[in-house]
């Protein structure tokens, strides 16, 4: 997926939420599962997204192991 993140073009991967833990989220991605640590704000945002749509795709940056919730589609 292509996004603009902080005004810069970036290619990111996407994943489905498999499990939400206390301080991390496990995502299902093309190569298997990946667990990423997240802060409380991001955790709350992901919970809200999943409650609205259990099959929502979440943008992920594997290089920095971060969840991207503020990107805009290219």
PDB file of N, CA and C in Angstrom:
ATOM      1  N   UNK A   1       0.847  -1.164   0.000  1.00  0.00           N
ATOM      2  CA  UNK A   1       0.000   0.000   0.000  1.00  0.00           C
ATOM      3  C   UNK A   1       0.900   1.236   0.000  1.00  0.00           C
ATOM      4  N   UNK A   2       0.498   2.244  -0.748  1.00  0.00           N
ATOM      5  CA  UNK A   2       1.252   3.489  -0.821  1.00  0.00           C
ATOM      6  C   UNK A   2       0.542   4.556   0.004  1.00  0.00           C
ATOM      7  N   UNK A   3       1.293   5.235   0.867  1.00  0.00           N
ATOM      8  CA  UNK A   3       0.753   6.283   1.722  1.00  0.00           C
ATOM      9  C   UNK A   3       1.687   7.464   1.767  1.00  0.00           C
ATOM     10  N   UNK A   4       1.122   8.624   2.108  1.00  0.00           N
ATOM     11  CA  UNK A   4       1.934   9.763   2.501  1.00  0.00           C
ATOM     12  C   UNK A   4       1.922   9.788   4.020  1.00  0.00           C
ATOM     13  N   UNK A   5       3.081   9.702   4.626  1.00  0.00           N
ATOM     14  CA  UNK A   5       3.215   9.720   6.076  1.00  0.00           C
ATOM     15  C   UNK A   5       4.117  10.898   6.422  1.00  0.00           C
ATOM     16  N   UNK A   6       3.594  11.818   7.193  1.00  0.00           N
ATOM     17  CA  UNK A   6       4.324  13.045   7.538  1.00  0.00           C
ATOM     18  C   UNK A   6       4.811  13.764   6.283  1.00  0.00           C
ATOM     19  N   UNK A   7       3.968  13.758   5.248  1.00  0.00           N
ATOM     20  CA  UNK A   7       4.289  14.459   4.012  1.00  0.00           C
ATOM     21  C   UNK A   7       5.261  13.748   3.088  1.00  0.00           C
ATOM     22  N   UNK A   8       5.666  12.525   3.444  1.00  0.00           N
ATOM     23  CA  UNK A   8       6.618  11.771   2.620  1.00  0.00           C
ATOM     24  C   UNK A   8       5.958  10.519   2.072  1.00  0.00           C
ATOM     25  N   UNK A   9       6.290  10.175   0.838  1.00  0.00           N
ATOM     26  CA  UNK A   9       5.788   8.971   0.195  1.00  0.00           C
ATOM     27  C   UNK A   9       6.399   7.749   0.861  1.00  0.00           C
ATOM     28  N   UNK A  10       5.565   6.752   1.161  1.00  0.00           N
ATOM     29  CA  UNK A  10       6.067   5.557   1.825  1.00  0.00           C
ATOM     30  C   UNK A  10       5.255   4.349   1.361  1.00  0.00           C
ATOM     31  N   UNK A  11       5.930   3.244   1.115  1.00  0.00           N
ATOM     32  CA  UNK A  11       5.279   1.980   0.805  1.00  0.00           C
ATOM     33  C   UNK A  11       5.220   1.183   2.100  1.00  0.00           C
ATOM     34  N   UNK A  12       4.010   0.778   2.494  1.00  0.00           N
ATOM     35  CA  UNK A  12       3.830   0.048   3.744  1.00  0.00           C
ATOM     36  C   UNK A  12       3.112  -1.263   3.478  1.00  0.00           C
ATOM     37  N   UNK A  13       3.201  -2.161   4.430  1.00  0.00           N
ATOM     38  CA  UNK A  13       2.456  -3.415   4.375  1.00  0.00           C
ATOM     39  C   UNK A  13       1.175  -3.239   5.177  1.00  0.00           C
ATOM     40  N   UNK A  14       0.255  -4.178   5.034  1.00  0.00           N
ATOM     41  CA  UNK A  14      -0.984  -4.130   5.798  1.00  0.00           C
ATOM     42  C   UNK A  14      -1.206  -5.477   6.477  1.00  0.00           C
ATOM     43  N   UNK A  15      -1.939  -5.439   7.579  1.00  0.00           N
ATOM     44  CA  UNK A  15      -2.221  -6.671   8.297  1.00  0.00           C
ATOM     45  C   UNK A  15      -3.571  -6.607   8.995  1.00  0.00           C
ATOM     46  N   UNK A  16      -4.104  -7.783   9.268  1.00  0.00           N
ATOM     47  CA  UNK A  16      -5.332  -7.918  10.046  1.00  0.00           C
ATOM     48  C   UNK A  16      -4.950  -8.079  11.511  1.00  0.00           C
ATOM     49  N   UNK A  17      -5.777  -7.585  12.401  1.00  0.00           N
ATOM     50  CA  UNK A  17      -5.526  -7.760  13.833  1.00  0.00           C
ATOM     51  C   UNK A  17      -5.933  -9.180  14.217  1.00  0.00           C
ATOM     52  N   UNK A  18      -4.998  -9.912  14.784  1.00  0.00           N
ATOM     53  CA  UNK A  18      -5.261 -11.269  15.261  1.00  0.00           C
ATOM     54  C   UNK A  18      -5.583 -11.247  16.749  1.00  0.00           C
ATOM     55  N   UNK A  19      -4.789 -10.461  17.510  1.00  0.00           N
ATOM     56  CA  UNK A  19      -4.968 -10.429  18.960  1.00  0.00           C
ATOM     57  C   UNK A  19      -4.476  -9.088  19.498  1.00  0.00           C
ATOM     58  N   UNK A  20      -5.256  -8.539  20.420  1.00  0.00           N
ATOM     59  CA  UNK A  20      -4.852  -7.318  21.107  1.00  0.00           C
ATOM     60  C   UNK A  20      -4.450  -7.696  22.520  1.00  0.00           C
ATOM     61  N   UNK A  21      -3.212  -7.362  22.875  1.00  0.00           N
ATOM     62  CA  UNK A  21      -2.689  -7.668  24.206  1.00  0.00           C
ATOM     63  C   UNK A  21      -2.619  -6.373  25.020  1.00  0.00           C
ATOM     64  N   UNK A  22      -2.053  -6.438  26.214  1.00  0.00           N
ATOM     65  CA  UNK A  22      -1.978  -5.257  27.088  1.00  0.00           C
ATOM     66  C   UNK A  22      -1.135  -4.129  26.500  1.00  0.00           C
ATOM     67  N   UNK A  23       0.011  -4.457  25.914  1.00  0.00           N
ATOM     68  CA  UNK A  23       0.910  -3.425  25.390  1.00  0.00           C
ATOM     69  C   UNK A  23       1.354  -3.688  23.955  1.00  0.00           C
ATOM     70  N   UNK A  24       0.713  -4.649  23.302  1.00  0.00           N
ATOM     71  CA  UNK A  24       1.093  -4.978  21.935  1.00  0.00           C
ATOM     72  C   UNK A  24      -0.111  -5.514  21.162  1.00  0.00           C
ATOM     73  N   UNK A  25       0.082  -5.615  19.854  1.00  0.00           N
ATOM     74  CA  UNK A  25      -0.944  -6.146  18.968  1.00  0.00           C
ATOM     75  C   UNK A  25      -0.282  -7.167  18.054  1.00  0.00           C
ATOM     76  N   UNK A  26      -0.950  -8.310  17.856  1.00  0.00           N
ATOM     77  CA  UNK A  26      -0.470  -9.333  16.936  1.00  0.00           C
ATOM     78  C   UNK A  26      -1.258  -9.171  15.639  1.00  0.00           C
ATOM     79  N   UNK A  27      -0.528  -9.031  14.535  1.00  0.00           N
ATOM     80  CA  UNK A  27      -1.141  -8.864  13.225  1.00  0.00           C
ATOM     81  C   UNK A  27      -0.897 -10.094  12.371  1.00  0.00           C
ATOM     82  N   UNK A  28      -1.859 -10.404  11.519  1.00  0.00           N
ATOM     83  CA  UNK A  28      -1.691 -11.434  10.494  1.00  0.00           C
ATOM     84  C   UNK A  28      -1.248 -10.701   9.229  1.00  0.00           C
ATOM     85  N   UNK A  29      -0.078 -11.063   8.723  1.00  0.00           N
ATOM     86  CA  UNK A  29       0.459 -10.446   7.512  1.00  0.00           C
ATOM     87  C   UNK A  29       0.790 -11.535   6.508  1.00  0.00           C
ATOM     88  N   UNK A  30       1.220 -11.147   5.330  1.00  0.00           N
ATOM     89  CA  UNK A  30       1.460 -12.112   4.250  1.00  0.00           C
ATOM     90  C   UNK A  30       2.462 -13.202   4.611  1.00  0.00           C
ATOM     91  N   UNK A  31       3.443 -12.895   5.443  1.00  0.00           N
ATOM     92  CA  UNK A  31       4.484 -13.873   5.786  1.00  0.00           C
ATOM     93  C   UNK A  31       4.237 -14.575   7.118  1.00  0.00           C
ATOM     94  N   UNK A  32       3.070 -14.385   7.721  1.00  0.00           N
ATOM     95  CA  UNK A  32       2.780 -14.994   9.015  1.00  0.00           C
ATOM     96  C   UNK A  32       2.325 -13.942  10.006  1.00  0.00           C
ATOM     97  N   UNK A  33       2.539 -14.191  11.275  1.00  0.00           N
ATOM     98  CA  UNK A  33       2.137 -13.251  12.323  1.00  0.00           C
ATOM     99  C   UNK A  33       3.315 -12.377  12.747  1.00  0.00           C
ATOM    100  N   UNK A  34       2.993 -11.139  13.138  1.00  0.00           N
ATOM    101  CA  UNK A  34       4.010 -10.243  13.677  1.00  0.00           C
ATOM    102  C   UNK A  34       3.393  -9.506  14.860  1.00  0.00           C
ATOM    103  N   UNK A  35       4.149  -9.398  15.940  1.00  0.00           N
ATOM    104  CA  UNK A  35       3.692  -8.691  17.128  1.00  0.00           C
ATOM    105  C   UNK A  35       4.422  -7.359  17.222  1.00  0.00           C
ATOM    106  N   UNK A  36       3.656  -6.293  17.440  1.00  0.00           N
ATOM    107  CA  UNK A  36       4.247  -4.960  17.547  1.00  0.00           C
ATOM    108  C   UNK A  36       3.813  -4.320  18.854  1.00  0.00           C
ATOM    109  N   UNK A  37       4.793  -3.751  19.555  1.00  0.00           N
ATOM    110  CA  UNK A  37       4.489  -2.982  20.759  1.00  0.00           C
ATOM    111  C   UNK A  37       3.862  -1.663  20.331  1.00  0.00           C
ATOM    112  N   UNK A  38       2.845  -1.223  21.079  1.00  0.00           N
ATOM    113  CA  UNK A  38       2.176   0.035  20.765  1.00  0.00           C
ATOM    114  C   UNK A  38       1.943   0.831  22.043  1.00  0.00           C
ATOM    115  N   UNK A  39       1.798   2.142  21.882  1.00  0.00           N
ATOM    116  CA  UNK A  39       1.483   2.971  23.042  1.00  0.00           C
ATOM    117  C   UNK A  39      -0.021   2.903  23.329  1.00  0.00           C
ATOM    118  N   UNK A  40      -0.444   3.495  24.438  1.00  0.00           N
ATOM    119  CA  UNK A  40      -1.843   3.418  24.855  1.00  0.00           C
ATOM    120  C   UNK A  40      -2.799   4.063  23.853  1.00  0.00           C
ATOM    121  N   UNK A  41      -2.394   5.180  23.251  1.00  0.00           N
ATOM    122  CA  UNK A  41      -3.249   5.874  22.288  1.00  0.00           C
ATOM    123  C   UNK A  41      -3.468   5.003  21.052  1.00  0.00           C
ATOM    124  N   UNK A  42      -2.388   4.417  20.547  1.00  0.00           N
ATOM    125  CA  UNK A  42      -2.486   3.542  19.379  1.00  0.00           C
ATOM    126  C   UNK A  42      -3.302   2.304  19.705  1.00  0.00           C
ATOM    127  N   UNK A  43      -3.111   1.739  20.882  1.00  0.00           N
ATOM    128  CA  UNK A  43      -3.874   0.563  21.305  1.00  0.00           C
ATOM    129  C   UNK A  43      -5.368   0.880  21.320  1.00  0.00           C
ATOM    130  N   UNK A  44      -5.746   2.017  21.883  1.00  0.00           N
ATOM    131  CA  UNK A  44      -7.156   2.425  21.912  1.00  0.00           C
ATOM    132  C   UNK A  44      -7.709   2.621  20.503  1.00  0.00           C
ATOM    133  N   UNK A  45      -6.908   3.232  19.630  1.00  0.00           N
ATOM    134  CA  UNK A  45      -7.344   3.467  18.251  1.00  0.00           C
ATOM    135  C   UNK A  45      -7.563   2.146  17.518  1.00  0.00           C
ATOM    136  N   UNK A  46      -6.663   1.198  17.709  1.00  0.00           N
ATOM    137  CA  UNK A  46      -6.800  -0.106  17.054  1.00  0.00           C
ATOM    138  C   UNK A  46      -8.021  -0.841  17.586  1.00  0.00           C
ATOM    139  N   UNK A  47      -8.264  -0.775  18.892  1.00  0.00           N
ATOM    140  CA  UNK A  47      -9.460  -1.408  19.457  1.00  0.00           C
ATOM    141  C   UNK A  47     -10.727  -0.813  18.849  1.00  0.00           C
ATOM    142  N   UNK A  48     -10.762   0.495  18.683  1.00  0.00           N
ATOM    143  CA  UNK A  48     -11.917   1.164  18.090  1.00  0.00           C
ATOM    144  C   UNK A  48     -12.116   0.729  16.638  1.00  0.00           C
ATOM    145  N   UNK A  49     -11.023   0.649  15.884  1.00  0.00           N
ATOM    146  CA  UNK A  49     -11.089   0.219  14.489  1.00  0.00           C
ATOM    147  C   UNK A  49     -11.626  -1.204  14.394  1.00  0.00           C
ATOM    148  N   UNK A  50     -11.115  -2.094  15.224  1.00  0.00           N
ATOM    149  CA  UNK A  50     -11.522  -3.504  15.186  1.00  0.00           C
ATOM    150  C   UNK A  50     -12.982  -3.672  15.612  1.00  0.00           C
ATOM    151  N   UNK A  51     -13.423  -2.878  16.579  1.00  0.00           N
ATOM    152  CA  UNK A  51     -14.828  -2.932  16.984  1.00  0.00           C
ATOM    153  C   UNK A  51     -15.747  -2.529  15.833  1.00  0.00           C
ATOM    154  N   UNK A  52     -15.315  -1.576  15.024  1.00  0.00           N
ATOM    155  CA  UNK A  52     -16.111  -1.117  13.884  1.00  0.00           C
ATOM    156  C   UNK A  52     -16.041  -2.084  12.706  1.00  0.00           C
ATOM    157  N   UNK A  53     -14.880  -2.724  12.525  1.00  0.00           N
ATOM    158  CA  UNK A  53     -14.680  -3.637  11.391  1.00  0.00           C
ATOM    159  C   UNK A  53     -13.606  -4.653  11.748  1.00  0.00           C
ATOM    160  N   UNK A  54     -14.024  -5.867  12.065  1.00  0.00           N
ATOM    161  CA  UNK A  54     -13.074  -6.910  12.481  1.00  0.00           C
ATOM    162  C   UNK A  54     -12.081  -7.281  11.392  1.00  0.00           C
ATOM    163  N   UNK A  55     -12.413  -6.975  10.134  1.00  0.00           N
ATOM    164  CA  UNK A  55     -11.537  -7.335   9.023  1.00  0.00           C
ATOM    165  C   UNK A  55     -10.793  -6.133   8.451  1.00  0.00           C
ATOM    166  N   UNK A  56     -10.679  -5.080   9.232  1.00  0.00           N
ATOM    167  CA  UNK A  56      -9.975  -3.885   8.762  1.00  0.00           C
ATOM    168  C   UNK A  56      -8.495  -4.178   8.566  1.00  0.00           C
ATOM    169  N   UNK A  57      -7.942  -3.631   7.504  1.00  0.00           N
ATOM    170  CA  UNK A  57      -6.510  -3.739   7.257  1.00  0.00           C
ATOM    171  C   UNK A  57      -5.814  -2.538   7.882  1.00  0.00           C
ATOM    172  N   UNK A  58      -4.776  -2.794   8.663  1.00  0.00           N
ATOM    173  CA  UNK A  58      -4.033  -1.756   9.360  1.00  0.00           C
ATOM    174  C   UNK A  58      -2.669  -1.592   8.685  1.00  0.00           C
ATOM    175  N   UNK A  59      -2.282  -0.361   8.305  1.00  0.00           N
ATOM    176  CA  UNK A  59      -0.960  -0.146   7.701  1.00  0.00           C
ATOM    177  C   UNK A  59       0.164  -0.331   8.728  1.00  0.00           C
ATOM    178  N   UNK A  60       1.199  -1.041   8.320  1.00  0.00           N
ATOM    179  CA  UNK A  60       2.330  -1.354   9.195  1.00  0.00           C
ATOM    180  C   UNK A  60       3.646  -1.043   8.491  1.00  0.00           C
ATOM    181  N   UNK A  61       4.603  -0.553   9.252  1.00  0.00           N
ATOM    182  CA  UNK A  61       5.953  -0.339   8.733  1.00  0.00           C
ATOM    183  C   UNK A  61       6.858  -1.382   9.378  1.00  0.00           C
ATOM    184  N   UNK A  62       7.246  -2.383   8.600  1.00  0.00           N
ATOM    185  CA  UNK A  62       8.069  -3.476   9.141  1.00  0.00           C
ATOM    186  C   UNK A  62       9.473  -3.018   9.504  1.00  0.00           C
ATOM    187  N   UNK A  63      10.000  -2.029   8.772  1.00  0.00           N
ATOM    188  CA  UNK A  63      11.362  -1.560   9.052  1.00  0.00           C
ATOM    189  C   UNK A  63      11.476  -0.962  10.446  1.00  0.00           C
ATOM    190  N   UNK A  64      10.498  -0.148  10.814  1.00  0.00           N
ATOM    191  CA  UNK A  64      10.549   0.508  12.116  1.00  0.00           C
ATOM    192  C   UNK A  64       9.655  -0.183  13.148  1.00  0.00           C
ATOM    193  N   UNK A  65       8.969  -1.244  12.709  1.00  0.00           N
ATOM    194  CA  UNK A  65       8.031  -1.983  13.566  1.00  0.00           C
ATOM    195  C   UNK A  65       7.020  -1.048  14.219  1.00  0.00           C
ATOM    196  N   UNK A  66       6.338  -0.248  13.370  1.00  0.00           N
ATOM    197  CA  UNK A  66       5.344   0.680  13.858  1.00  0.00           C
ATOM    198  C   UNK A  66       4.031   0.514  13.118  1.00  0.00           C
ATOM    199  N   UNK A  67       2.961   0.926  13.781  1.00  0.00           N
ATOM    200  CA  UNK A  67       1.637   0.974  13.188  1.00  0.00           C
ATOM    201  C   UNK A  67       1.432   2.393  12.664  1.00  0.00           C
ATOM    202  N   UNK A  68       0.896   2.530  11.463  1.00  0.00           N
ATOM    203  CA  UNK A  68       0.723   3.845  10.864  1.00  0.00           C
ATOM    204  C   UNK A  68      -0.779   4.150  10.795  1.00  0.00           C
ATOM    205  N   UNK A  69      -1.228   5.052  11.637  1.00  0.00           N
ATOM    206  CA  UNK A  69      -2.630   5.416  11.666  1.00  0.00           C
ATOM    207  C   UNK A  69      -2.886   6.818  11.144  1.00  0.00           C
ATOM    208  N   UNK A  70      -1.828   7.551  10.799  1.00  0.00           N
ATOM    209  CA  UNK A  70      -2.007   8.927  10.351  1.00  0.00           C
ATOM    210  C   UNK A  70      -1.610   9.153   8.897  1.00  0.00           C
ATOM    211  N   UNK A  71      -1.489   8.092   8.124  1.00  0.00           N
ATOM    212  CA  UNK A  71      -1.124   8.229   6.727  1.00  0.00           C
ATOM    213  C   UNK A  71      -2.325   8.549   5.859  1.00  0.00           C
ATOM    214  N   UNK A  72      -2.053   9.120   4.690  1.00  0.00           N
ATOM    215  CA  UNK A  72      -3.102   9.425   3.720  1.00  0.00           C
ATOM    216  C   UNK A  72      -2.790   8.682   2.430  1.00  0.00           C
ATOM    217  N   UNK A  73      -3.821   8.067   1.811  1.00  0.00           N
ATOM    218  CA  UNK A  73      -3.575   7.322   0.562  1.00  0.00           C
ATOM    219  C   UNK A  73      -2.960   8.204  -0.510  1.00  0.00           C
ATOM    220  N   UNK A  74      -2.117   7.592  -1.321  1.00  0.00           N
ATOM    221  CA  UNK A  74      -1.486   8.309  -2.435  1.00  0.00           C
ATOM    222  C   UNK A  74      -2.501   8.437  -3.549  1.00  0.00           C
TER     223      UNK A  74
END
